């Protein structure tokens, strides 16, 4: 199931700002009524000092302007979030490559990574850890060339099955002579959901919500 969700972080902020503006307006109206009443009933021989009221009037005006500016900013953020969400919606069903060595394991979908090396590798030693840093799997796989894919189906080193979630891969590549080769890792998966919260758009990839800013490459479209 593919979903597009607009989380109400920006909307909540805008609602709170509107409430604050309404309260400031109500307080300001009450202040003016009290001021007019005092002026109407003041002793002509001892007129009240207007300095304090003038200062309060200026303060109310400043607060009102600040709240209005915040409201305008929230409106802009909301529009940007909606536009980004609409654009990101086109990614649903697409394979993406992300700037992260954390990949999601979800149901029948294996955790997948991509690698790039400075020169051809013959073997890769994979170590997969969970979010707590516990080693779930260690294995050595054959490889060739300077780029490719790695996958883990969730089978742990004890023969069990890991639960769904995010898993971190560390890998050591070696050439045909056993010499270590520097490698760069990425995570790979298909986008199933898109969400927006407080102006930040995230992609749901194998059960993980990943900021869209980590996207580095697009793969095939939906099947």
C-alpha atoms as a PDB file:
ATOM      1  CA  UNK A   1       0.000   0.000   0.000  1.00  0.00           C
ATOM      2  CA  UNK A   2       1.369   3.410  -0.942  1.00  0.00           C
ATOM      3  CA  UNK A   3       0.454   6.499   1.012  1.00  0.00           C
ATOM      4  CA  UNK A   4       1.096  10.215   0.990  1.00  0.00           C
ATOM      5  CA  UNK A   5       0.708  11.885   4.363  1.00  0.00           C
ATOM      6  CA  UNK A   6       0.824  15.534   5.323  1.00  0.00           C
ATOM      7  CA  UNK A   7       1.573  15.565   9.048  1.00  0.00           C
ATOM      8  CA  UNK A   8       0.113  18.598  10.807  1.00  0.00           C
ATOM      9  CA  UNK A   9       3.274  20.052  12.352  1.00  0.00           C
ATOM     10  CA  UNK A  10       3.108  23.275  10.335  1.00  0.00           C
ATOM     11  CA  UNK A  11      -0.681  23.442  10.596  1.00  0.00           C
ATOM     12  CA  UNK A  12      -0.534  23.120  14.396  1.00  0.00           C
ATOM     13  CA  UNK A  13       2.020  25.920  14.587  1.00  0.00           C
ATOM     14  CA  UNK A  14      -0.142  28.131  12.391  1.00  0.00           C
ATOM     15  CA  UNK A  15      -3.225  27.383  14.518  1.00  0.00           C
ATOM     16  CA  UNK A  16      -1.328  28.257  17.688  1.00  0.00           C
ATOM     17  CA  UNK A  17      -0.130  31.513  16.166  1.00  0.00           C
ATOM     18  CA  UNK A  18      -3.653  32.429  15.091  1.00  0.00           C
ATOM     19  CA  UNK A  19      -4.881  31.777  18.642  1.00  0.00           C
ATOM     20  CA  UNK A  20      -2.121  33.971  20.059  1.00  0.00           C
ATOM     21  CA  UNK A  21      -2.937  36.765  17.601  1.00  0.00           C
ATOM     22  CA  UNK A  22      -6.616  36.561  18.563  1.00  0.00           C
ATOM     23  CA  UNK A  23      -5.738  36.812  22.269  1.00  0.00           C
ATOM     24  CA  UNK A  24      -3.416  39.761  21.677  1.00  0.00           C
ATOM     25  CA  UNK A  25      -6.185  41.479  19.727  1.00  0.00           C
ATOM     26  CA  UNK A  26      -8.724  40.885  22.524  1.00  0.00           C
ATOM     27  CA  UNK A  27      -6.302  42.180  25.180  1.00  0.00           C
ATOM     28  CA  UNK A  28      -5.531  45.226  23.046  1.00  0.00           C
ATOM     29  CA  UNK A  29      -9.240  46.042  22.656  1.00  0.00           C
ATOM     30  CA  UNK A  30      -9.756  45.718  26.415  1.00  0.00           C
ATOM     31  CA  UNK A  31      -6.750  47.990  27.049  1.00  0.00           C
ATOM     32  CA  UNK A  32      -8.196  50.682  24.761  1.00  0.00           C
ATOM     33  CA  UNK A  33     -11.611  50.493  26.471  1.00  0.00           C
ATOM     34  CA  UNK A  34     -10.025  50.888  29.912  1.00  0.00           C
ATOM     35  CA  UNK A  35      -7.877  53.765  28.671  1.00  0.00           C
ATOM     36  CA  UNK A  36     -10.862  55.609  27.209  1.00  0.00           C
ATOM     37  CA  UNK A  37     -12.904  55.034  30.371  1.00  0.00           C
ATOM     38  CA  UNK A  38     -10.097  56.395  32.596  1.00  0.00           C
ATOM     39  CA  UNK A  39      -9.633  59.413  30.354  1.00  0.00           C
ATOM     40  CA  UNK A  40     -13.366  60.163  30.483  1.00  0.00           C
ATOM     41  CA  UNK A  41     -13.450  59.927  34.271  1.00  0.00           C
ATOM     42  CA  UNK A  42     -10.112  61.543  35.171  1.00  0.00           C
ATOM     43  CA  UNK A  43      -9.889  64.542  37.504  1.00  0.00           C
ATOM     44  CA  UNK A  44      -9.483  67.660  35.294  1.00  0.00           C
ATOM     45  CA  UNK A  45      -7.291  69.211  38.010  1.00  0.00           C
ATOM     46  CA  UNK A  46      -5.032  66.127  38.184  1.00  0.00           C
ATOM     47  CA  UNK A  47      -4.810  64.663  34.698  1.00  0.00           C
ATOM     48  CA  UNK A  48      -3.271  61.216  34.530  1.00  0.00           C
ATOM     49  CA  UNK A  49       0.263  60.615  33.277  1.00  0.00           C
ATOM     50  CA  UNK A  50      -0.032  59.352  29.718  1.00  0.00           C
ATOM     51  CA  UNK A  51       3.572  58.145  29.464  1.00  0.00           C
ATOM     52  CA  UNK A  52       2.883  54.689  30.895  1.00  0.00           C
ATOM     53  CA  UNK A  53      -0.147  54.156  28.673  1.00  0.00           C
ATOM     54  CA  UNK A  54       1.789  55.286  25.609  1.00  0.00           C
ATOM     55  CA  UNK A  55       4.512  52.735  26.392  1.00  0.00           C
ATOM     56  CA  UNK A  56       1.966  49.948  26.864  1.00  0.00           C
ATOM     57  CA  UNK A  57       0.270  50.936  23.616  1.00  0.00           C
ATOM     58  CA  UNK A  58       3.623  50.677  21.806  1.00  0.00           C
ATOM     59  CA  UNK A  59       4.331  47.280  23.377  1.00  0.00           C
ATOM     60  CA  UNK A  60       0.970  45.891  22.288  1.00  0.00           C
ATOM     61  CA  UNK A  61       1.619  47.145  18.767  1.00  0.00           C
ATOM     62  CA  UNK A  62       5.055  45.465  18.670  1.00  0.00           C
ATOM     63  CA  UNK A  63       3.664  42.155  19.909  1.00  0.00           C
ATOM     64  CA  UNK A  64       0.872  42.274  17.361  1.00  0.00           C
ATOM     65  CA  UNK A  65       3.353  42.915  14.523  1.00  0.00           C
ATOM     66  CA  UNK A  66       5.615  40.070  15.689  1.00  0.00           C
ATOM     67  CA  UNK A  67       2.740  37.603  15.788  1.00  0.00           C
ATOM     68  CA  UNK A  68       1.584  38.698  12.325  1.00  0.00           C
ATOM     69  CA  UNK A  69       5.104  38.180  10.948  1.00  0.00           C
ATOM     70  CA  UNK A  70       5.196  34.695  12.497  1.00  0.00           C
ATOM     71  CA  UNK A  71       1.855  33.911  10.890  1.00  0.00           C
ATOM     72  CA  UNK A  72       3.170  34.961   7.478  1.00  0.00           C
ATOM     73  CA  UNK A  73       6.287  32.796   7.958  1.00  0.00           C
ATOM     74  CA  UNK A  74       4.179  29.766   8.912  1.00  0.00           C
ATOM     75  CA  UNK A  75       2.054  30.288   5.803  1.00  0.00           C
ATOM     76  CA  UNK A  76       5.182  30.267   3.632  1.00  0.00           C
ATOM     77  CA  UNK A  77       6.522  27.100   5.313  1.00  0.00           C
ATOM     78  CA  UNK A  78       3.160  25.412   4.847  1.00  0.00           C
ATOM     79  CA  UNK A  79       3.129  26.225   1.123  1.00  0.00           C
ATOM     80  CA  UNK A  80       6.702  24.989   0.660  1.00  0.00           C
ATOM     81  CA  UNK A  81       5.894  21.786   2.537  1.00  0.00           C
ATOM     82  CA  UNK A  82       2.855  21.146   0.352  1.00  0.00           C
ATOM     83  CA  UNK A  83       4.834  21.755  -2.841  1.00  0.00           C
ATOM     84  CA  UNK A  84       7.658  19.446  -1.720  1.00  0.00           C
ATOM     85  CA  UNK A  85       5.154  16.759  -0.725  1.00  0.00           C
ATOM     86  CA  UNK A  86       3.483  16.943  -4.136  1.00  0.00           C
ATOM     87  CA  UNK A  87       6.819  16.600  -5.906  1.00  0.00           C
ATOM     88  CA  UNK A  88       7.963  13.755  -3.643  1.00  0.00           C
ATOM     89  CA  UNK A  89       4.735  11.881  -4.339  1.00  0.00           C
ATOM     90  CA  UNK A  90       6.172  11.020  -7.766  1.00  0.00           C
ATOM     91  CA  UNK A  91       8.841   8.945  -6.020  1.00  0.00           C
ATOM     92  CA  UNK A  92       6.386   6.362  -4.709  1.00  0.00           C
ATOM     93  CA  UNK A  93       7.208   3.018  -6.274  1.00  0.00           C
ATOM     94  CA  UNK A  94      10.638   4.198  -7.422  1.00  0.00           C
ATOM     95  CA  UNK A  95      13.867   2.592  -6.308  1.00  0.00           C
ATOM     96  CA  UNK A  96      16.102   5.087  -4.531  1.00  0.00           C
ATOM     97  CA  UNK A  97      19.665   5.152  -3.312  1.00  0.00           C
ATOM     98  CA  UNK A  98      20.293   7.064  -0.098  1.00  0.00           C
ATOM     99  CA  UNK A  99      23.338   8.555   1.535  1.00  0.00           C
ATOM    100  CA  UNK A 100      23.233   6.228   4.544  1.00  0.00           C
ATOM    101  CA  UNK A 101      24.598   2.866   5.626  1.00  0.00           C
ATOM    102  CA  UNK A 102      21.366   2.139   7.504  1.00  0.00           C
ATOM    103  CA  UNK A 103      18.846   0.053   5.556  1.00  0.00           C
ATOM    104  CA  UNK A 104      15.404  -1.215   6.472  1.00  0.00           C
ATOM    105  CA  UNK A 105      14.411  -4.851   6.920  1.00  0.00           C
ATOM    106  CA  UNK A 106      10.668  -5.180   6.399  1.00  0.00           C
ATOM    107  CA  UNK A 107       8.633  -8.369   5.971  1.00  0.00           C
ATOM    108  CA  UNK A 108       9.821 -10.217   2.900  1.00  0.00           C
ATOM    109  CA  UNK A 109      12.008  -7.303   1.781  1.00  0.00           C
ATOM    110  CA  UNK A 110      15.696  -7.769   2.534  1.00  0.00           C
ATOM    111  CA  UNK A 111      17.857  -4.907   3.737  1.00  0.00           C
ATOM    112  CA  UNK A 112      19.891  -3.704   0.762  1.00  0.00           C
ATOM    113  CA  UNK A 113      22.969  -1.590   0.315  1.00  0.00           C
ATOM    114  CA  UNK A 114      25.090  -0.365  -2.565  1.00  0.00           C
ATOM    115  CA  UNK A 115      28.858  -0.066  -2.535  1.00  0.00           C
ATOM    116  CA  UNK A 116      31.523   1.718  -4.492  1.00  0.00           C
ATOM    117  CA  UNK A 117      35.240   1.111  -4.168  1.00  0.00           C
ATOM    118  CA  UNK A 118      38.370   2.852  -5.363  1.00  0.00           C
ATOM    119  CA  UNK A 119      39.444  -0.291  -7.244  1.00  0.00           C
ATOM    120  CA  UNK A 120      38.081  -3.762  -7.956  1.00  0.00           C
ATOM    121  CA  UNK A 121      37.237  -5.929  -4.943  1.00  0.00           C
ATOM    122  CA  UNK A 122      37.176  -9.740  -4.806  1.00  0.00           C
ATOM    123  CA  UNK A 123      35.540 -10.230  -1.411  1.00  0.00           C
ATOM    124  CA  UNK A 124      33.543  -8.130   1.037  1.00  0.00           C
ATOM    125  CA  UNK A 125      33.305  -8.796   4.773  1.00  0.00           C
ATOM    126  CA  UNK A 126      29.847  -7.702   5.938  1.00  0.00           C
ATOM    127  CA  UNK A 127      28.910  -6.891   9.534  1.00  0.00           C
ATOM    128  CA  UNK A 128      25.282  -6.018  10.243  1.00  0.00           C
ATOM    129  CA  UNK A 129      24.267  -4.411  13.543  1.00  0.00           C
ATOM    130  CA  UNK A 130      20.913  -3.409  14.992  1.00  0.00           C
ATOM    131  CA  UNK A 131      19.992   0.011  16.393  1.00  0.00           C
ATOM    132  CA  UNK A 132      21.551  -0.908  19.763  1.00  0.00           C
ATOM    133  CA  UNK A 133      24.872  -1.827  18.183  1.00  0.00           C
ATOM    134  CA  UNK A 134      24.429  -5.566  18.638  1.00  0.00           C
ATOM    135  CA  UNK A 135      26.016  -7.625  15.847  1.00  0.00           C
ATOM    136  CA  UNK A 136      23.293  -9.588  14.065  1.00  0.00           C
ATOM    137  CA  UNK A 137      25.251 -11.099  11.206  1.00  0.00           C
ATOM    138  CA  UNK A 138      28.797 -11.437   9.891  1.00  0.00           C
ATOM    139  CA  UNK A 139      29.582 -12.954   6.523  1.00  0.00           C
ATOM    140  CA  UNK A 140      32.043 -12.755   3.658  1.00  0.00           C
ATOM    141  CA  UNK A 141      30.669 -12.580   0.138  1.00  0.00           C
ATOM    142  CA  UNK A 142      32.340 -12.720  -3.241  1.00  0.00           C
ATOM    143  CA  UNK A 143      32.319  -9.564  -5.329  1.00  0.00           C
ATOM    144  CA  UNK A 144      33.740  -8.137  -8.532  1.00  0.00           C
ATOM    145  CA  UNK A 145      34.314  -4.714  -9.999  1.00  0.00           C
ATOM    146  CA  UNK A 146      34.169  -1.363  -8.236  1.00  0.00           C
ATOM    147  CA  UNK A 147      30.420  -1.157  -7.597  1.00  0.00           C
ATOM    148  CA  UNK A 148      27.571  -3.480  -6.730  1.00  0.00           C
ATOM    149  CA  UNK A 149      24.817  -4.463  -4.307  1.00  0.00           C
ATOM    150  CA  UNK A 150      24.794  -6.206  -0.931  1.00  0.00           C
ATOM    151  CA  UNK A 151      21.746  -7.726   0.767  1.00  0.00           C
ATOM    152  CA  UNK A 152      20.817  -9.264   4.109  1.00  0.00           C
ATOM    153  CA  UNK A 153      17.630 -11.319   4.475  1.00  0.00           C
ATOM    154  CA  UNK A 154      17.447 -11.004   8.248  1.00  0.00           C
ATOM    155  CA  UNK A 155      19.039 -14.324   9.144  1.00  0.00           C
ATOM    156  CA  UNK A 156      21.075 -13.810  12.316  1.00  0.00           C
ATOM    157  CA  UNK A 157      24.404 -15.431  13.165  1.00  0.00           C
ATOM    158  CA  UNK A 158      22.558 -17.787  15.529  1.00  0.00           C
ATOM    159  CA  UNK A 159      20.213 -18.939  12.768  1.00  0.00           C
ATOM    160  CA  UNK A 160      17.208 -16.919  13.890  1.00  0.00           C
ATOM    161  CA  UNK A 161      15.297 -14.198  12.083  1.00  0.00           C
ATOM    162  CA  UNK A 162      15.777 -10.541  12.924  1.00  0.00           C
ATOM    163  CA  UNK A 163      12.742  -8.344  13.521  1.00  0.00           C
ATOM    164  CA  UNK A 164      11.799  -5.558  11.147  1.00  0.00           C
ATOM    165  CA  UNK A 165      13.700  -2.314  11.571  1.00  0.00           C
ATOM    166  CA  UNK A 166      16.790  -0.383  10.602  1.00  0.00           C
ATOM    167  CA  UNK A 167      20.172  -2.111  10.434  1.00  0.00           C
ATOM    168  CA  UNK A 168      23.634  -0.640   9.991  1.00  0.00           C
ATOM    169  CA  UNK A 169      26.163  -2.206   7.663  1.00  0.00           C
ATOM    170  CA  UNK A 170      29.923  -1.931   7.948  1.00  0.00           C
ATOM    171  CA  UNK A 171      31.950  -3.579   5.219  1.00  0.00           C
ATOM    172  CA  UNK A 172      35.579  -4.285   4.413  1.00  0.00           C
ATOM    173  CA  UNK A 173      36.488  -4.891   0.786  1.00  0.00           C
ATOM    174  CA  UNK A 174      39.593  -6.778  -0.275  1.00  0.00           C
ATOM    175  CA  UNK A 175      41.172  -7.225  -3.674  1.00  0.00           C
ATOM    176  CA  UNK A 176      42.379 -10.503  -5.168  1.00  0.00           C
ATOM    177  CA  UNK A 177      45.591 -10.276  -3.106  1.00  0.00           C
ATOM    178  CA  UNK A 178      43.748  -9.772   0.190  1.00  0.00           C
ATOM    179  CA  UNK A 179      44.625  -6.083   0.406  1.00  0.00           C
ATOM    180  CA  UNK A 180      41.931  -3.875   1.932  1.00  0.00           C
ATOM    181  CA  UNK A 181      40.174  -1.534  -0.494  1.00  0.00           C
ATOM    182  CA  UNK A 182      38.379   1.664   0.691  1.00  0.00           C
ATOM    183  CA  UNK A 183      34.607   1.509   0.130  1.00  0.00           C
ATOM    184  CA  UNK A 184      31.610   3.835   0.268  1.00  0.00           C
ATOM    185  CA  UNK A 185      28.214   2.438   1.310  1.00  0.00           C
ATOM    186  CA  UNK A 186      24.673   3.573   0.529  1.00  0.00           C
ATOM    187  CA  UNK A 187      21.246   2.127   1.334  1.00  0.00           C
ATOM    188  CA  UNK A 188      18.832   1.013  -1.400  1.00  0.00           C
ATOM    189  CA  UNK A 189      15.096   0.384  -1.469  1.00  0.00           C
ATOM    190  CA  UNK A 190      11.728   1.310  -2.950  1.00  0.00           C
ATOM    191  CA  UNK A 191       9.676   4.251  -1.739  1.00  0.00           C
ATOM    192  CA  UNK A 192       6.294   3.239  -0.333  1.00  0.00           C
ATOM    193  CA  UNK A 193       5.242   6.376   1.554  1.00  0.00           C
ATOM    194  CA  UNK A 194       5.874  10.108   1.598  1.00  0.00           C
ATOM    195  CA  UNK A 195       5.329  12.302   4.644  1.00  0.00           C
ATOM    196  CA  UNK A 196       5.773  15.974   5.491  1.00  0.00           C
ATOM    197  CA  UNK A 197       6.220  17.394   8.964  1.00  0.00           C
ATOM    198  CA  UNK A 198       7.220  20.951   9.866  1.00  0.00           C
ATOM    199  CA  UNK A 199       8.529  21.568   6.356  1.00  0.00           C
ATOM    200  CA  UNK A 200      10.621  18.361   6.246  1.00  0.00           C
ATOM    201  CA  UNK A 201       9.684  15.713   3.654  1.00  0.00           C
ATOM    202  CA  UNK A 202      10.618  12.121   4.449  1.00  0.00           C
ATOM    203  CA  UNK A 203      10.474   8.967   2.339  1.00  0.00           C
ATOM    204  CA  UNK A 204       9.268   5.615   3.629  1.00  0.00           C
ATOM    205  CA  UNK A 205      11.804   3.040   2.383  1.00  0.00           C
ATOM    206  CA  UNK A 206      11.533  -0.540   3.682  1.00  0.00           C
ATOM    207  CA  UNK A 207       9.790   0.639   6.831  1.00  0.00           C
ATOM    208  CA  UNK A 208      12.207   3.490   7.579  1.00  0.00           C
ATOM    209  CA  UNK A 209      11.411   7.199   7.312  1.00  0.00           C
ATOM    210  CA  UNK A 210      14.407   8.872   5.688  1.00  0.00           C
ATOM    211  CA  UNK A 211      14.789  12.632   4.976  1.00  0.00           C
ATOM    212  CA  UNK A 212      14.466  13.276   1.251  1.00  0.00           C
ATOM    213  CA  UNK A 213      17.667  15.316   1.481  1.00  0.00           C
ATOM    214  CA  UNK A 214      19.575  11.994   1.699  1.00  0.00           C
ATOM    215  CA  UNK A 215      18.415  10.990  -1.787  1.00  0.00           C
ATOM    216  CA  UNK A 216      21.401  10.655  -4.140  1.00  0.00           C
ATOM    217  CA  UNK A 217      20.113   8.506  -7.000  1.00  0.00           C
ATOM    218  CA  UNK A 218      16.843   7.342  -8.582  1.00  0.00           C
ATOM    219  CA  UNK A 219      16.407   3.869  -9.990  1.00  0.00           C
ATOM    220  CA  UNK A 220      13.623   2.186 -11.937  1.00  0.00           C
ATOM    221  CA  UNK A 221      10.016   3.284 -11.797  1.00  0.00           C
ATOM    222  CA  UNK A 222       7.108   1.340 -10.354  1.00  0.00           C
ATOM    223  CA  UNK A 223       6.535  -2.081 -11.771  1.00  0.00           C
END
